[in-house]
Amino acid sequence: MLPSSVAIPNLFTDLVYNIQDSPILLILCILGGLVSIGAIFLFNNRALQLKLTYLTTIFAILLPLVSILLVYNEGTFTTNADKISDSFGIYLPIIGLIFSILAARYIGKDENTVRSMDRLR
């Protein structure tokens, strides 16, 4: 593939990478946020809360992968990759992934504690 000096019109017309650039990224972000907020209020149903936390983890893994795939498919690695600016938001899926893994871990510990207390009765 030969490098081009023409800006890519589809995804990066402003040369800033936002989630608004692709409907797929926007849907992944909205679903991940809604599922994680919904899981917070399911503290009475820990099994469902754990499943939703796993789903949030999947969304947090898919978001950077889809982002990289979109950048690669648009060909920006060869044309204007040095001009695309990133900001703090590019690291938020990693932070979300860490928090969802920690949440799943401690929901599982809480479930084990409740089960052990039920055995004592």
Protein backbone atom coordinates (compact mmCIF):
# COMPACT_ATOMS: atom_id res chain seq x y z
CA MET A 1 0.00 0.00 0.00
CA LEU A 2 1.47 3.33 -1.00
CA PRO A 3 1.28 6.25 1.41
CA SER A 4 -1.07 9.04 0.46
CA SER A 5 -0.94 12.71 1.34
CA VAL A 6 -4.74 13.03 1.14
CA ALA A 7 -6.72 13.05 4.38
CA ILE A 8 -9.03 10.10 4.87
CA PRO A 9 -12.60 11.39 4.54
CA ASN A 10 -14.54 8.69 6.41
CA LEU A 11 -13.27 8.38 9.94
CA PHE A 12 -10.72 11.08 10.66
CA THR A 13 -11.74 14.21 8.81
CA ASP A 14 -10.68 16.35 11.78
CA LEU A 15 -7.68 14.08 12.57
CA VAL A 16 -8.98 13.59 16.13
CA TYR A 17 -10.09 10.11 17.18
CA ASN A 18 -13.44 10.26 19.02
CA ILE A 19 -16.05 7.64 19.79
CA GLN A 20 -18.46 9.74 17.74
CA ASP A 21 -16.44 8.83 14.64
CA SER A 22 -18.01 5.38 14.48
CA PRO A 23 -21.47 4.16 15.53
CA ILE A 24 -19.93 0.86 16.64
CA LEU A 25 -17.67 2.62 19.14
CA LEU A 26 -20.51 4.76 20.39
CA ILE A 27 -22.78 1.74 20.91
CA LEU A 28 -20.03 -0.18 22.74
CA CYS A 29 -19.42 2.76 25.09
CA ILE A 30 -23.09 3.33 25.82
CA LEU A 31 -23.83 -0.37 26.38
CA GLY A 32 -20.79 -0.80 28.60
CA GLY A 33 -21.76 2.18 30.71
CA LEU A 34 -25.42 1.20 31.03
CA VAL A 35 -24.64 -2.41 31.90
CA SER A 36 -22.08 -1.41 34.53
CA ILE A 37 -24.44 1.14 36.10
CA GLY A 38 -27.23 -1.44 36.07
CA ALA A 39 -24.99 -4.00 37.76
CA ILE A 40 -24.37 -1.63 40.67
CA PHE A 41 -28.02 -1.75 41.68
CA LEU A 42 -28.29 -5.55 41.54
CA PHE A 43 -26.57 -6.16 44.88
CA ASN A 44 -29.44 -8.45 45.98
CA ASN A 45 -28.92 -10.74 42.97
CA ARG A 46 -25.18 -11.39 43.01
CA ALA A 47 -25.29 -14.10 40.31
CA LEU A 48 -26.83 -11.69 37.79
CA GLN A 49 -24.54 -8.91 38.99
CA LEU A 50 -21.51 -11.13 38.33
CA LYS A 51 -22.75 -12.01 34.83
CA LEU A 52 -23.29 -8.34 34.00
CA THR A 53 -19.82 -7.55 35.30
CA TYR A 54 -18.38 -10.17 32.96
CA LEU A 55 -20.35 -8.58 30.11
CA THR A 56 -18.89 -5.19 31.03
CA THR A 57 -15.43 -6.76 30.95
CA ILE A 58 -16.09 -8.04 27.44
CA PHE A 59 -17.22 -4.56 26.35
CA ALA A 60 -14.07 -3.05 27.88
CA ILE A 61 -11.92 -5.51 25.92
CA LEU A 62 -13.82 -5.04 22.66
CA LEU A 63 -13.68 -1.24 22.69
CA PRO A 64 -9.90 -0.85 22.13
CA LEU A 65 -9.84 -3.80 19.73
CA VAL A 66 -12.58 -2.31 17.57
CA SER A 67 -10.85 1.08 17.74
CA ILE A 68 -7.57 -0.37 16.51
CA LEU A 69 -9.40 -2.32 13.81
CA LEU A 70 -11.16 0.82 12.57
CA VAL A 71 -7.92 2.78 12.47
CA TYR A 72 -6.19 -0.03 10.64
CA ASN A 73 -9.02 -0.46 8.11
CA GLU A 74 -9.10 3.24 7.34
CA GLY A 75 -5.43 3.15 6.43
CA THR A 76 -4.31 5.85 8.83
CA PHE A 77 -1.26 3.87 9.83
CA THR A 78 0.27 4.76 6.48
CA THR A 79 -1.10 8.23 5.73
CA ASN A 80 -1.68 10.61 8.63
CA ALA A 81 -0.84 8.52 11.67
CA ASP A 82 1.58 11.11 12.99
CA LYS A 83 -1.12 13.80 12.95
CA ILE A 84 -3.83 11.90 14.87
CA SER A 85 -3.91 13.20 18.43
CA ASP A 86 -4.95 11.16 21.42
CA SER A 87 -6.03 12.34 24.84
CA PHE A 88 -6.91 10.94 28.25
CA GLY A 89 -9.97 9.15 26.88
CA ILE A 90 -7.90 6.55 25.10
CA TYR A 91 -6.91 5.07 28.47
CA LEU A 92 -10.42 4.93 29.94
CA PRO A 93 -11.24 1.44 28.56
CA ILE A 94 -8.14 0.10 30.34
CA ILE A 95 -9.27 1.70 33.60
CA GLY A 96 -12.78 0.32 33.05
CA LEU A 97 -11.34 -3.13 32.42
CA ILE A 98 -9.35 -3.03 35.66
CA PHE A 99 -12.38 -1.89 37.64
CA SER A 100 -14.67 -4.52 36.15
CA ILE A 101 -12.16 -7.28 36.92
CA LEU A 102 -11.86 -6.03 40.49
CA ALA A 103 -15.65 -5.86 40.78
CA ALA A 104 -16.04 -9.44 39.56
CA ARG A 105 -13.39 -10.60 42.00
CA TYR A 106 -15.02 -8.97 45.01
CA ILE A 107 -18.56 -9.95 44.01
CA GLY A 108 -17.32 -13.56 43.94
CA LYS A 109 -15.72 -13.13 47.38
CA ASP A 110 -18.95 -11.65 48.72
CA GLU A 111 -20.93 -14.57 47.34
CA ASN A 112 -18.54 -17.03 49.01
CA THR A 113 -18.88 -15.19 52.32
CA VAL A 114 -22.69 -15.31 52.16
CA ARG A 115 -22.61 -19.02 51.31
CA SER A 116 -20.28 -19.78 54.22
CA MET A 117 -22.57 -17.86 56.59
CA ASP A 118 -25.55 -19.86 55.34
CA ARG A 119 -23.73 -23.09 56.20
CA LEU A 120 -23.18 -21.92 59.76
CA ARG A 121 -26.90 -21.55 60.38
